[in-house]
């Protein structure tokens, strides 16, 4: 069984938002906010939905950074990670989860999910300036939401 999951690296003043799981087998672990892509839903729409549900924010710009495949005995997870440098609203823990703005180096000291930890380490090595520079990462602007098919 294959599951598509999206996650957002929300940036603000050189820090990204980490959230802490409150349920399940990984309760207490830190992660990038996001969640599962529903059947028939585009990844970018799933990201927008998940961040609105979890944090009460609306994304204005999302750039695909990495896709990682993580396999367990029961399933294969395709994790699609986006950098988000523009969003509206102040992040609020809508589901009671812990959350914190972290520098990439601070994040390396926290217990992130196994699948996220290599990304956290990469961010700590890549980010040399206090605020990420989109041009320096080679990101391209993309339309945020895909048009819905005509009914």
Protein backbone atom coordinates (compact mmCIF):
# COMPACT_ATOMS: atom_id res chain seq x y z
CA UNK A 1 0.00 0.00 0.00
CA UNK A 2 1.34 3.45 -0.95
CA UNK A 3 0.39 6.65 0.87
CA UNK A 4 1.17 10.19 -0.31
CA UNK A 5 1.92 12.65 2.48
CA UNK A 6 2.66 16.39 2.23
CA UNK A 7 4.61 18.54 4.67
CA UNK A 8 5.41 22.24 4.81
CA UNK A 9 8.56 23.99 5.98
CA UNK A 10 7.03 27.34 6.98
CA UNK A 11 9.70 30.05 7.18
CA UNK A 12 9.59 33.25 9.25
CA UNK A 13 12.61 35.40 10.14
CA UNK A 14 15.14 32.64 9.45
CA UNK A 15 13.25 30.05 11.48
CA UNK A 16 10.87 27.28 10.45
CA UNK A 17 7.85 25.98 12.31
CA UNK A 18 8.16 22.60 13.98
CA UNK A 19 5.13 20.85 15.43
CA UNK A 20 5.03 18.11 18.04
CA UNK A 21 2.80 15.05 17.69
CA UNK A 22 0.32 14.48 20.48
CA UNK A 23 -1.17 11.13 19.39
CA UNK A 24 -0.16 7.76 18.09
CA UNK A 25 3.00 5.71 18.25
CA UNK A 26 5.17 8.77 17.61
CA UNK A 27 3.62 11.06 20.24
CA UNK A 28 6.17 13.61 21.43
CA UNK A 29 8.20 13.53 18.22
CA UNK A 30 8.69 16.74 16.24
CA UNK A 31 7.77 17.02 12.56
CA UNK A 32 7.04 19.40 9.74
CA UNK A 33 3.29 20.16 9.70
CA UNK A 34 1.19 18.41 7.06
CA UNK A 35 -0.65 15.17 6.48
CA UNK A 36 -2.09 12.61 4.09
CA UNK A 37 -3.26 13.42 0.58
CA UNK A 38 -6.88 12.32 0.14
CA UNK A 39 -7.89 10.28 -2.90
CA UNK A 40 -8.53 12.60 -5.86
CA UNK A 41 -6.85 15.56 -4.13
CA UNK A 42 -3.75 17.26 -5.54
CA UNK A 43 -0.69 17.47 -3.30
CA UNK A 44 -0.75 21.28 -3.19
CA UNK A 45 -4.45 21.32 -2.26
CA UNK A 46 -3.78 18.71 0.45
CA UNK A 47 -0.98 20.88 1.82
CA UNK A 48 -3.24 23.94 1.88
CA UNK A 49 -6.01 21.96 3.61
CA UNK A 50 -3.71 20.36 6.19
CA UNK A 51 -2.00 23.64 7.15
CA UNK A 52 -5.34 25.38 7.47
CA UNK A 53 -6.73 22.55 9.65
CA UNK A 54 -3.61 22.17 11.82
CA UNK A 55 -2.40 25.77 12.06
CA UNK A 56 -5.14 28.06 10.76
CA UNK A 57 -2.87 29.53 8.06
CA UNK A 58 -3.34 29.97 4.33
CA UNK A 59 -0.31 29.40 2.13
CA UNK A 60 0.43 31.94 -0.57
CA UNK A 61 3.57 30.36 -2.04
CA UNK A 62 4.72 26.74 -1.85
CA UNK A 63 7.74 25.32 -3.63
CA UNK A 64 8.36 21.57 -3.80
CA UNK A 65 11.73 20.89 -2.19
CA UNK A 66 12.07 17.13 -1.84
CA UNK A 67 10.15 13.91 -2.30
CA UNK A 68 11.31 11.08 -0.08
CA UNK A 69 10.11 7.48 -0.08
CA UNK A 70 9.99 5.74 3.30
CA UNK A 71 9.09 2.05 3.45
CA UNK A 72 7.82 0.10 6.42
CA UNK A 73 6.68 -3.52 6.62
CA UNK A 74 3.09 -2.44 6.00
CA UNK A 75 3.29 0.51 3.61
CA UNK A 76 5.27 2.78 1.38
CA UNK A 77 5.09 6.50 2.18
CA UNK A 78 5.91 9.16 -0.41
CA UNK A 79 6.65 12.33 1.55
CA UNK A 80 6.46 15.54 -0.53
CA UNK A 81 8.08 18.45 1.33
CA UNK A 82 7.45 22.08 0.35
CA UNK A 83 9.19 25.30 1.38
CA UNK A 84 6.63 27.96 2.30
CA UNK A 85 7.98 31.49 2.50
CA UNK A 86 4.66 33.34 2.22
CA UNK A 87 1.51 32.54 4.18
CA UNK A 88 -1.27 34.50 5.83
CA UNK A 89 -2.51 34.15 9.37
CA UNK A 90 -0.65 33.58 12.60
CA UNK A 91 0.01 29.86 13.19
CA UNK A 92 -2.10 28.53 16.07
CA UNK A 93 -2.08 24.97 17.42
CA UNK A 94 -5.59 24.06 16.22
CA UNK A 95 -5.26 20.47 17.44
CA UNK A 96 -3.48 21.16 20.74
CA UNK A 97 -0.09 20.11 19.39
CA UNK A 98 3.17 21.65 20.54
CA UNK A 99 4.75 24.07 18.09
CA UNK A 100 7.81 26.27 17.98
CA UNK A 101 9.75 28.48 15.59
CA UNK A 102 13.18 26.84 15.27
CA UNK A 103 16.46 27.71 13.65
CA UNK A 104 17.69 24.75 11.61
CA UNK A 105 20.53 24.25 14.09
CA UNK A 106 18.12 24.24 17.08
CA UNK A 107 15.94 21.68 15.28
CA UNK A 108 18.89 19.27 15.06
CA UNK A 109 18.76 18.98 18.89
CA UNK A 110 15.11 17.88 18.93
CA UNK A 111 13.70 14.42 18.33
CA UNK A 112 12.21 14.72 14.84
CA UNK A 113 10.56 11.81 13.07
CA UNK A 114 13.07 9.46 11.45
CA UNK A 115 11.94 10.44 7.94
CA UNK A 116 12.28 14.18 8.74
CA UNK A 117 15.67 14.12 10.47
CA UNK A 118 17.82 14.00 7.29
CA UNK A 119 15.88 17.05 6.04
CA UNK A 120 16.48 18.90 9.30
CA UNK A 121 20.21 18.15 9.04
CA UNK A 122 20.24 19.30 5.43
CA UNK A 123 18.53 22.56 6.36
CA UNK A 124 21.13 23.15 9.07
CA UNK A 125 23.89 22.74 6.49
CA UNK A 126 22.23 24.74 3.70
CA UNK A 127 20.97 27.77 5.54
CA UNK A 128 23.90 30.15 5.91
CA UNK A 129 21.89 33.38 6.02
CA UNK A 130 19.42 34.38 8.74
CA UNK A 131 16.51 34.51 6.28
CA UNK A 132 16.24 32.02 3.40
CA UNK A 133 16.82 33.60 0.02
CA UNK A 134 14.55 32.01 -2.57
CA UNK A 135 17.00 32.73 -5.40
CA UNK A 136 19.86 31.08 -3.49
CA UNK A 137 17.91 27.82 -3.22
CA UNK A 138 16.92 27.94 -6.90
CA UNK A 139 13.22 27.77 -6.09
CA UNK A 140 10.72 28.64 -8.75
CA UNK A 141 7.40 30.31 -8.11
CA UNK A 142 4.50 27.96 -8.80
CA UNK A 143 0.76 28.55 -8.88
CA UNK A 144 -0.57 27.59 -5.47
CA UNK A 145 -3.87 25.88 -6.17
CA UNK A 146 -4.66 23.83 -9.20
CA UNK A 147 -7.91 24.57 -10.99
CA UNK A 148 -10.71 22.15 -10.24
CA UNK A 149 -11.99 20.18 -13.23
CA UNK A 150 -15.23 21.45 -14.73
CA UNK A 151 -18.25 19.55 -13.49
